[in-house]
C-alpha atoms as a PDB file:
ATOM      1  CA  MET A   1       7.782 -11.476   4.198  1.00  0.00           C
ATOM      2  CA  SER A   2       5.594  -9.649   6.799  1.00  0.00           C
ATOM      3  CA  THR A   3       3.144  -6.701   4.964  1.00  0.00           C
ATOM      4  CA  PRO A   4       3.963  -3.172   7.033  1.00  0.00           C
ATOM      5  CA  ILE A   5       1.827  -2.099   9.938  1.00  0.00           C
ATOM      6  CA  ARG A   6      -0.045   1.303   9.772  1.00  0.00           C
ATOM      7  CA  SER A   7       2.197   3.080  11.933  1.00  0.00           C
ATOM      8  CA  GLN A   8       5.054   2.214   9.493  1.00  0.00           C
ATOM      9  CA  ILE A   9       3.062   4.134   6.789  1.00  0.00           C
ATOM     10  CA  LYS A  10       3.040   7.837   6.226  1.00  0.00           C
ATOM     11  CA  PRO A  11       1.711  10.048   3.529  1.00  0.00           C
ATOM     12  CA  GLY A  12       4.695  11.450   1.378  1.00  0.00           C
ATOM     13  CA  ILE A  13       6.765   7.917   1.238  1.00  0.00           C
ATOM     14  CA  ARG A  14       7.107   5.819  -1.581  1.00  0.00           C
ATOM     15  CA  VAL A  15       5.857   2.216  -1.970  1.00  0.00           C
ATOM     16  CA  ALA A  16       4.581  -1.000  -3.690  1.00  0.00           C
ATOM     17  CA  ILE A  17       1.322  -1.885  -4.243  1.00  0.00           C
ATOM     18  CA  VAL A  18      -0.922  -4.576  -5.225  1.00  0.00           C
ATOM     19  CA  GLN A  19      -4.154  -3.280  -6.824  1.00  0.00           C
ATOM     20  CA  LYS A  20      -7.506  -5.418  -6.548  1.00  0.00           C
ATOM     21  CA  GLN A  21      -7.195  -6.215 -10.571  1.00  0.00           C
ATOM     22  CA  ASP A  22      -3.602  -7.066 -10.344  1.00  0.00           C
ATOM     23  CA  GLN A  23      -4.089  -9.957  -6.857  1.00  0.00           C
ATOM     24  CA  SER A  24      -4.043 -12.658  -8.960  1.00  0.00           C
ATOM     25  CA  SER A  25      -0.866 -11.782 -10.982  1.00  0.00           C
ATOM     26  CA  GLY A  26       0.702 -10.353  -7.772  1.00  0.00           C
ATOM     27  CA  GLN A  27       2.139  -7.268 -10.401  1.00  0.00           C
ATOM     28  CA  LEU A  28       3.038  -4.202  -8.167  1.00  0.00           C
ATOM     29  CA  THR A  29       2.639  -1.061  -8.669  1.00  0.00           C
ATOM     30  CA  GLU A  30       5.207   1.720  -7.111  1.00  0.00           C
ATOM     31  CA  GLY A  31       3.931   5.464  -5.853  1.00  0.00           C
ATOM     32  CA  ILE A  32       3.597   8.203  -3.409  1.00  0.00           C
ATOM     33  CA  VAL A  33       1.541   7.533  -0.505  1.00  0.00           C
ATOM     34  CA  GLN A  34      -1.410  10.575  -0.580  1.00  0.00           C
ATOM     35  CA  SER A  35      -3.308   9.163   1.903  1.00  0.00           C
ATOM     36  CA  LEU A  36      -4.328   5.898   4.180  1.00  0.00           C
ATOM     37  CA  LEU A  37      -7.700   4.148   4.057  1.00  0.00           C
ATOM     38  CA  THR A  38      -7.338   1.211   6.094  1.00  0.00           C
ATOM     39  CA  LYS A  39      -8.095   2.386   9.601  1.00  0.00           C
ATOM     40  CA  SER A  40      -7.204  -0.901  11.548  1.00  0.00           C
ATOM     41  CA  PRO A  41      -3.383  -1.063  13.006  1.00  0.00           C
ATOM     42  CA  THR A  42      -2.751  -3.935  10.635  1.00  0.00           C
ATOM     43  CA  HIS A  43      -4.796  -6.174   7.928  1.00  0.00           C
ATOM     44  CA  PRO A  44      -3.004  -9.751   6.610  1.00  0.00           C
ATOM     45  CA  HIS A  45      -3.003  -8.566   3.031  1.00  0.00           C
ATOM     46  CA  GLY A  46      -1.957  -5.034   3.428  1.00  0.00           C
ATOM     47  CA  ILE A  47      -2.854  -1.420   4.810  1.00  0.00           C
ATOM     48  CA  LYS A  48      -4.754   0.016   1.997  1.00  0.00           C
ATOM     49  CA  VAL A  49      -3.373   3.392   0.517  1.00  0.00           C
ATOM     50  CA  ARG A  50      -4.589   5.730  -2.001  1.00  0.00           C
ATOM     51  CA  LEU A  51      -1.831   6.977  -4.236  1.00  0.00           C
ATOM     52  CA  VAL A  52      -1.056  10.907  -5.654  1.00  0.00           C
ATOM     53  CA  THR A  53      -2.217   9.464  -8.934  1.00  0.00           C
ATOM     54  CA  GLY A  54      -5.323   8.089  -7.546  1.00  0.00           C
ATOM     55  CA  GLU A  55      -4.470   4.839  -7.656  1.00  0.00           C
ATOM     56  CA  VAL A  56      -5.579   2.430  -4.877  1.00  0.00           C
ATOM     57  CA  GLY A  57      -4.161  -0.721  -3.469  1.00  0.00           C
ATOM     58  CA  ARG A  58      -2.541  -2.552  -0.607  1.00  0.00           C
ATOM     59  CA  VAL A  59       0.841  -1.627   0.654  1.00  0.00           C
ATOM     60  CA  LYS A  60       3.261  -5.189   0.302  1.00  0.00           C
ATOM     61  CA  THR A  61       6.515  -3.021   0.666  1.00  0.00           C
ATOM     62  CA  ILE A  62       7.807   0.369   1.457  1.00  0.00           C
ATOM     63  CA  LEU A  63      10.598   1.391  -0.472  1.00  0.00           C
ATOM     64  CA  ASP A  64      13.931   3.848  -0.001  1.00  0.00           C
END
């Protein structure tokens, strides 16, 4: 499973992220994207985003 690229992620969409402290366990956090923090079009671990709740993490999946 590949991680979504930057062009697929827009503010306002629902995503599942992995936060820094959850990387070892792989626990996902769901939320709405507030802003994109990664400038490059792709990243091997996922595009880093800030959710509206203030949580920061890398996008693993885009949710419907």
